[in-house]
Every structure is written in structure tokens, then in C-alpha cells.
């Protein structure tokens, strides 16, 4: 695993083969969807599953 600074928000994120594998699996599960360019959005299903299965609670962004 390596440290990587995101190009848009300047925050660390998972990079390399591990990031690709995790993102691919989350897409297969329907937990995330790819949006424009390099953007990945968490689905409602993903939000619930991440909370239930991993204890990860994401805030809901204002629209």
C-alpha cells in the first residue's frame, strides 16, 4: 500500500493494485458507482452495507 494525495481534494487515499481491487469489488457489490472522470459515488445500498458490515458511517452530502 502506498500513500497518494488525491488530485482534487488533496486528501490521502488508497492507491495501486489494492485500491483498484477494492474499488472493483465494491462496484460488483453495487456499493459504489463510477460517475464522471475519476469520481466514485457511494450508493444507498453501499452506505447501509458499509455501516452494517464494517461500522463505517458516511455523512450524506448536501445536494
PDB file of N, CA and C in Angstrom:
ATOM      1  N   UNK A   1       0.851  -1.167   0.000  1.00  0.00           N
ATOM      2  CA  UNK A   1       0.000   0.000   0.000  1.00  0.00           C
ATOM      3  C   UNK A   1       0.898   1.232   0.000  1.00  0.00           C
ATOM      4  N   UNK A   2       0.483   2.241  -0.761  1.00  0.00           N
ATOM      5  CA  UNK A   2       1.286   3.453  -0.787  1.00  0.00           C
ATOM      6  C   UNK A   2       0.428   4.684  -0.536  1.00  0.00           C
ATOM      7  N   UNK A   3       1.071   5.700  -0.042  1.00  0.00           N
ATOM      8  CA  UNK A   3       0.398   6.963   0.227  1.00  0.00           C
ATOM      9  C   UNK A   3       0.211   7.708  -1.087  1.00  0.00           C
ATOM     10  N   UNK A   4      -0.951   8.272  -1.288  1.00  0.00           N
ATOM     11  CA  UNK A   4      -1.233   9.010  -2.506  1.00  0.00           C
ATOM     12  C   UNK A   4      -2.120  10.201  -2.167  1.00  0.00           C
ATOM     13  N   UNK A   5      -1.798  11.355  -2.684  1.00  0.00           N
ATOM     14  CA  UNK A   5      -2.612  12.537  -2.436  1.00  0.00           C
ATOM     15  C   UNK A   5      -3.561  12.717  -3.615  1.00  0.00           C
ATOM     16  N   UNK A   6      -4.849  12.737  -3.320  1.00  0.00           N
ATOM     17  CA  UNK A   6      -5.880  12.882  -4.336  1.00  0.00           C
ATOM     18  C   UNK A   6      -5.688  14.180  -5.108  1.00  0.00           C
ATOM     19  N   UNK A   7      -5.898  14.133  -6.405  1.00  0.00           N
ATOM     20  CA  UNK A   7      -5.656  15.299  -7.269  1.00  0.00           C
ATOM     21  C   UNK A   7      -6.662  16.424  -7.065  1.00  0.00           C
ATOM     22  N   UNK A   8      -7.861  16.119  -6.593  1.00  0.00           N
ATOM     23  CA  UNK A   8      -8.885  17.161  -6.480  1.00  0.00           C
ATOM     24  C   UNK A   8      -9.066  17.694  -5.062  1.00  0.00           C
ATOM     25  N   UNK A   9      -9.041  16.828  -4.093  1.00  0.00           N
ATOM     26  CA  UNK A   9      -9.305  17.256  -2.727  1.00  0.00           C
ATOM     27  C   UNK A   9      -8.061  17.284  -1.860  1.00  0.00           C
ATOM     28  N   UNK A  10      -6.959  16.840  -2.389  1.00  0.00           N
ATOM     29  CA  UNK A  10      -5.707  16.815  -1.655  1.00  0.00           C
ATOM     30  C   UNK A  10      -5.815  16.080  -0.321  1.00  0.00           C
ATOM     31  N   UNK A  11      -6.451  14.896  -0.405  1.00  0.00           N
ATOM     32  CA  UNK A  11      -6.558  14.043   0.773  1.00  0.00           C
ATOM     33  C   UNK A  11      -5.958  12.688   0.443  1.00  0.00           C
ATOM     34  N   UNK A  12      -5.379  12.016   1.435  1.00  0.00           N
ATOM     35  CA  UNK A  12      -4.827  10.684   1.176  1.00  0.00           C
ATOM     36  C   UNK A  12      -5.922   9.706   0.767  1.00  0.00           C
ATOM     37  N   UNK A  13      -5.562   8.758  -0.090  1.00  0.00           N
ATOM     38  CA  UNK A  13      -6.489   7.702  -0.463  1.00  0.00           C
ATOM     39  C   UNK A  13      -5.707   6.450  -0.834  1.00  0.00           C
ATOM     40  N   UNK A  14      -6.417   5.361  -0.911  1.00  0.00           N
ATOM     41  CA  UNK A  14      -5.813   4.081  -1.246  1.00  0.00           C
ATOM     42  C   UNK A  14      -5.421   4.086  -2.717  1.00  0.00           C
ATOM     43  N   UNK A  15      -4.214   3.641  -3.020  1.00  0.00           N
ATOM     44  CA  UNK A  15      -3.721   3.682  -4.396  1.00  0.00           C
ATOM     45  C   UNK A  15      -3.211   2.305  -4.819  1.00  0.00           C
ATOM     46  N   UNK A  16      -2.845   2.200  -6.070  1.00  0.00           N
ATOM     47  CA  UNK A  16      -2.210   0.988  -6.587  1.00  0.00           C
ATOM     48  C   UNK A  16      -3.176  -0.171  -6.743  1.00  0.00           C
ATOM     49  N   UNK A  17      -2.618  -1.373  -6.813  1.00  0.00           N
ATOM     50  CA  UNK A  17      -3.413  -2.563  -7.091  1.00  0.00           C
ATOM     51  C   UNK A  17      -4.463  -2.816  -6.016  1.00  0.00           C
ATOM     52  N   UNK A  18      -4.154  -2.485  -4.753  1.00  0.00           N
ATOM     53  CA  UNK A  18      -5.111  -2.718  -3.684  1.00  0.00           C
ATOM     54  C   UNK A  18      -6.322  -1.796  -3.838  1.00  0.00           C
ATOM     55  N   UNK A  19      -6.091  -0.539  -4.179  1.00  0.00           N
ATOM     56  CA  UNK A  19      -7.178   0.405  -4.417  1.00  0.00           C
ATOM     57  C   UNK A  19      -8.048  -0.019  -5.584  1.00  0.00           C
ATOM     58  N   UNK A  20      -7.413  -0.483  -6.656  1.00  0.00           N
ATOM     59  CA  UNK A  20      -8.155  -0.947  -7.841  1.00  0.00           C
ATOM     60  C   UNK A  20      -8.993  -2.170  -7.499  1.00  0.00           C
ATOM     61  N   UNK A  21      -8.407  -3.117  -6.779  1.00  0.00           N
ATOM     62  CA  UNK A  21      -9.136  -4.344  -6.418  1.00  0.00           C
ATOM     63  C   UNK A  21     -10.319  -4.031  -5.505  1.00  0.00           C
ATOM     64  N   UNK A  22     -10.112  -3.170  -4.528  1.00  0.00           N
ATOM     65  CA  UNK A  22     -11.190  -2.814  -3.612  1.00  0.00           C
ATOM     66  C   UNK A  22     -12.313  -2.080  -4.349  1.00  0.00           C
ATOM     67  N   UNK A  23     -11.955  -1.124  -5.179  1.00  0.00           N
ATOM     68  CA  UNK A  23     -12.955  -0.378  -5.938  1.00  0.00           C
ATOM     69  C   UNK A  23     -13.741  -1.308  -6.866  1.00  0.00           C
ATOM     70  N   UNK A  24     -13.052  -2.213  -7.528  1.00  0.00           N
ATOM     71  CA  UNK A  24     -13.724  -3.164  -8.424  1.00  0.00           C
ATOM     72  C   UNK A  24     -14.720  -4.031  -7.667  1.00  0.00           C
ATOM     73  N   UNK A  25     -14.326  -4.514  -6.496  1.00  0.00           N
ATOM     74  CA  UNK A  25     -15.223  -5.362  -5.698  1.00  0.00           C
ATOM     75  C   UNK A  25     -16.434  -4.570  -5.214  1.00  0.00           C
ATOM     76  N   UNK A  26     -16.225  -3.336  -4.766  1.00  0.00           N
ATOM     77  CA  UNK A  26     -17.340  -2.508  -4.302  1.00  0.00           C
ATOM     78  C   UNK A  26     -18.302  -2.199  -5.445  1.00  0.00           C
ATOM     79  N   UNK A  27     -17.763  -2.053  -6.663  1.00  0.00           N
ATOM     80  CA  UNK A  27     -18.627  -1.869  -7.841  1.00  0.00           C
ATOM     81  C   UNK A  27     -19.451  -3.126  -8.105  1.00  0.00           C
ATOM     82  N   UNK A  28     -18.824  -4.300  -8.031  1.00  0.00           N
ATOM     83  CA  UNK A  28     -19.529  -5.570  -8.252  1.00  0.00           C
ATOM     84  C   UNK A  28     -20.671  -5.748  -7.258  1.00  0.00           C
ATOM     85  N   UNK A  29     -20.456  -5.323  -6.030  1.00  0.00           N
ATOM     86  CA  UNK A  29     -21.470  -5.437  -4.983  1.00  0.00           C
ATOM     87  C   UNK A  29     -22.570  -4.381  -5.113  1.00  0.00           C
ATOM     88  N   UNK A  30     -22.336  -3.379  -5.959  1.00  0.00           N
ATOM     89  CA  UNK A  30     -23.305  -2.303  -6.112  1.00  0.00           C
ATOM     90  C   UNK A  30     -23.215  -1.266  -5.005  1.00  0.00           C
ATOM     91  N   UNK A  31     -22.102  -1.273  -4.285  1.00  0.00           N
ATOM     92  CA  UNK A  31     -21.921  -0.330  -3.180  1.00  0.00           C
ATOM     93  C   UNK A  31     -21.434   1.027  -3.676  1.00  0.00           C
ATOM     94  N   UNK A  32     -20.746   1.041  -4.810  1.00  0.00           N
ATOM     95  CA  UNK A  32     -20.281   2.294  -5.415  1.00  0.00           C
ATOM     96  C   UNK A  32     -20.559   2.260  -6.910  1.00  0.00           C
ATOM     97  N   UNK A  33     -20.663   3.438  -7.494  1.00  0.00           N
ATOM     98  CA  UNK A  33     -20.784   3.569  -8.948  1.00  0.00           C
ATOM     99  C   UNK A  33     -19.810   4.636  -9.405  1.00  0.00           C
ATOM    100  N   UNK A  34     -19.308   4.443 -10.605  1.00  0.00           N
ATOM    101  CA  UNK A  34     -18.420   5.457 -11.175  1.00  0.00           C
ATOM    102  C   UNK A  34     -19.259   6.567 -11.782  1.00  0.00           C
ATOM    103  N   UNK A  35     -18.864   7.779 -11.499  1.00  0.00           N
ATOM    104  CA  UNK A  35     -19.530   8.945 -12.063  1.00  0.00           C
ATOM    105  C   UNK A  35     -18.577   9.534 -13.109  1.00  0.00           C
ATOM    106  N   UNK A  36     -18.589  10.809 -13.301  1.00  0.00           N
ATOM    107  CA  UNK A  36     -17.732  11.448 -14.293  1.00  0.00           C
ATOM    108  C   UNK A  36     -16.250  11.333 -13.922  1.00  0.00           C
ATOM    109  N   UNK A  37     -15.442  11.192 -14.922  1.00  0.00           N
ATOM    110  CA  UNK A  37     -13.983  11.112 -14.789  1.00  0.00           C
ATOM    111  C   UNK A  37     -13.533  10.183 -13.681  1.00  0.00           C
ATOM    112  N   UNK A  38     -12.893  10.709 -12.656  1.00  0.00           N
ATOM    113  CA  UNK A  38     -12.307   9.877 -11.611  1.00  0.00           C
ATOM    114  C   UNK A  38     -13.153   9.862 -10.341  1.00  0.00           C
ATOM    115  N   UNK A  39     -14.418  10.158 -10.460  1.00  0.00           N
ATOM    116  CA  UNK A  39     -15.306  10.258  -9.293  1.00  0.00           C
ATOM    117  C   UNK A  39     -16.017   8.925  -9.058  1.00  0.00           C
ATOM    118  N   UNK A  40     -16.045   8.507  -7.807  1.00  0.00           N
ATOM    119  CA  UNK A  40     -16.774   7.306  -7.400  1.00  0.00           C
ATOM    120  C   UNK A  40     -17.789   7.742  -6.348  1.00  0.00           C
ATOM    121  N   UNK A  41     -19.029   7.333  -6.519  1.00  0.00           N
ATOM    122  CA  UNK A  41     -20.091   7.700  -5.575  1.00  0.00           C
ATOM    123  C   UNK A  41     -20.581   6.452  -4.836  1.00  0.00           C
ATOM    124  N   UNK A  42     -20.799   6.604  -3.547  1.00  0.00           N
ATOM    125  CA  UNK A  42     -21.324   5.512  -2.722  1.00  0.00           C
ATOM    126  C   UNK A  42     -22.840   5.495  -2.891  1.00  0.00           C
ATOM    127  N   UNK A  43     -23.388   4.329  -3.190  1.00  0.00           N
ATOM    128  CA  UNK A  43     -24.831   4.172  -3.367  1.00  0.00           C
ATOM    129  C   UNK A  43     -25.506   4.077  -1.991  1.00  0.00           C
ATOM    130  N   UNK A  44     -26.828   4.182  -1.971  1.00  0.00           N
ATOM    131  CA  UNK A  44     -27.563   3.995  -0.720  1.00  0.00           C
ATOM    132  C   UNK A  44     -27.329   2.592  -0.163  1.00  0.00           C
ATOM    133  N   UNK A  45     -27.303   1.612  -1.061  1.00  0.00           N
ATOM    134  CA  UNK A  45     -27.009   0.234  -0.651  1.00  0.00           C
ATOM    135  C   UNK A  45     -25.621   0.150  -0.028  1.00  0.00           C
ATOM    136  N   UNK A  46     -24.653   0.792  -0.664  1.00  0.00           N
ATOM    137  CA  UNK A  46     -23.293   0.799  -0.151  1.00  0.00           C
ATOM    138  C   UNK A  46     -23.183   1.497   1.194  1.00  0.00           C
ATOM    139  N   UNK A  47     -23.890   2.595   1.335  1.00  0.00           N
ATOM    140  CA  UNK A  47     -23.886   3.352   2.600  1.00  0.00           C
ATOM    141  C   UNK A  47     -24.395   2.465   3.748  1.00  0.00           C
ATOM    142  N   UNK A  48     -25.506   1.744   3.498  1.00  0.00           N
ATOM    143  CA  UNK A  48     -26.055   0.846   4.524  1.00  0.00           C
ATOM    144  C   UNK A  48     -25.111  -0.327   4.798  1.00  0.00           C
ATOM    145  N   UNK A  49     -24.576  -0.919   3.738  1.00  0.00           N
ATOM    146  CA  UNK A  49     -23.701  -2.082   3.894  1.00  0.00           C
ATOM    147  C   UNK A  49     -22.405  -1.712   4.619  1.00  0.00           C
ATOM    148  N   UNK A  50     -21.830  -0.583   4.271  1.00  0.00           N
ATOM    149  CA  UNK A  50     -20.597  -0.149   4.948  1.00  0.00           C
ATOM    150  C   UNK A  50     -20.847   0.069   6.438  1.00  0.00           C
ATOM    151  N   UNK A  51     -21.998   0.628   6.775  1.00  0.00           N
ATOM    152  CA  UNK A  51     -22.341   0.841   8.185  1.00  0.00           C
ATOM    153  C   UNK A  51     -22.596  -0.484   8.896  1.00  0.00           C
ATOM    154  N   UNK A  52     -23.402  -1.356   8.274  1.00  0.00           N
ATOM    155  CA  UNK A  52     -23.776  -2.626   8.897  1.00  0.00           C
ATOM    156  C   UNK A  52     -22.603  -3.594   9.017  1.00  0.00           C
ATOM    157  N   UNK A  53     -21.827  -3.726   7.945  1.00  0.00           N
ATOM    158  CA  UNK A  53     -20.798  -4.764   7.903  1.00  0.00           C
ATOM    159  C   UNK A  53     -19.425  -4.305   8.374  1.00  0.00           C
ATOM    160  N   UNK A  54     -19.133  -3.019   8.223  1.00  0.00           N
ATOM    161  CA  UNK A  54     -17.795  -2.539   8.579  1.00  0.00           C
ATOM    162  C   UNK A  54     -17.793  -1.435   9.634  1.00  0.00           C
ATOM    163  N   UNK A  55     -18.971  -0.984  10.030  1.00  0.00           N
ATOM    164  CA  UNK A  55     -19.045   0.075  11.030  1.00  0.00           C
ATOM    165  C   UNK A  55     -18.626   1.440  10.511  1.00  0.00           C
ATOM    166  N   UNK A  56     -18.617   1.582   9.185  1.00  0.00           N
ATOM    167  CA  UNK A  56     -18.221   2.850   8.563  1.00  0.00           C
ATOM    168  C   UNK A  56     -19.473   3.693   8.342  1.00  0.00           C
ATOM    169  N   UNK A  57     -19.516   4.859   8.944  1.00  0.00           N
ATOM    170  CA  UNK A  57     -20.660   5.767   8.797  1.00  0.00           C
ATOM    171  C   UNK A  57     -20.220   6.972   7.992  1.00  0.00           C
ATOM    172  N   UNK A  58     -20.864   7.169   6.843  1.00  0.00           N
ATOM    173  CA  UNK A  58     -20.547   8.297   5.961  1.00  0.00           C
ATOM    174  C   UNK A  58     -21.603   9.364   6.112  1.00  0.00           C
ATOM    175  N   UNK A  59     -21.192  10.608   6.105  1.00  0.00           N
ATOM    176  CA  UNK A  59     -22.194  11.676   6.137  1.00  0.00           C
ATOM    177  C   UNK A  59     -22.826  11.802   4.755  1.00  0.00           C
ATOM    178  N   UNK A  60     -24.042  12.245   4.696  1.00  0.00           N
ATOM    179  CA  UNK A  60     -24.736  12.437   3.432  1.00  0.00           C
ATOM    180  C   UNK A  60     -24.480  13.862   2.966  1.00  0.00           C
ATOM    181  N   UNK A  61     -23.830  14.015   1.819  1.00  0.00           N
ATOM    182  CA  UNK A  61     -23.533  15.375   1.340  1.00  0.00           C
ATOM    183  C   UNK A  61     -24.799  16.123   0.944  1.00  0.00           C
ATOM    184  N   UNK A  62     -24.794  17.418   1.155  1.00  0.00           N
ATOM    185  CA  UNK A  62     -25.930  18.252   0.736  1.00  0.00           C
ATOM    186  C   UNK A  62     -25.968  18.314  -0.773  1.00  0.00           C
ATOM    187  N   UNK A  63     -27.156  18.297  -1.314  1.00  0.00           N
ATOM    188  CA  UNK A  63     -27.291  18.346  -2.773  1.00  0.00           C
ATOM    189  C   UNK A  63     -27.868  19.645  -3.202  1.00  0.00           C
TER     190      UNK A  63
END
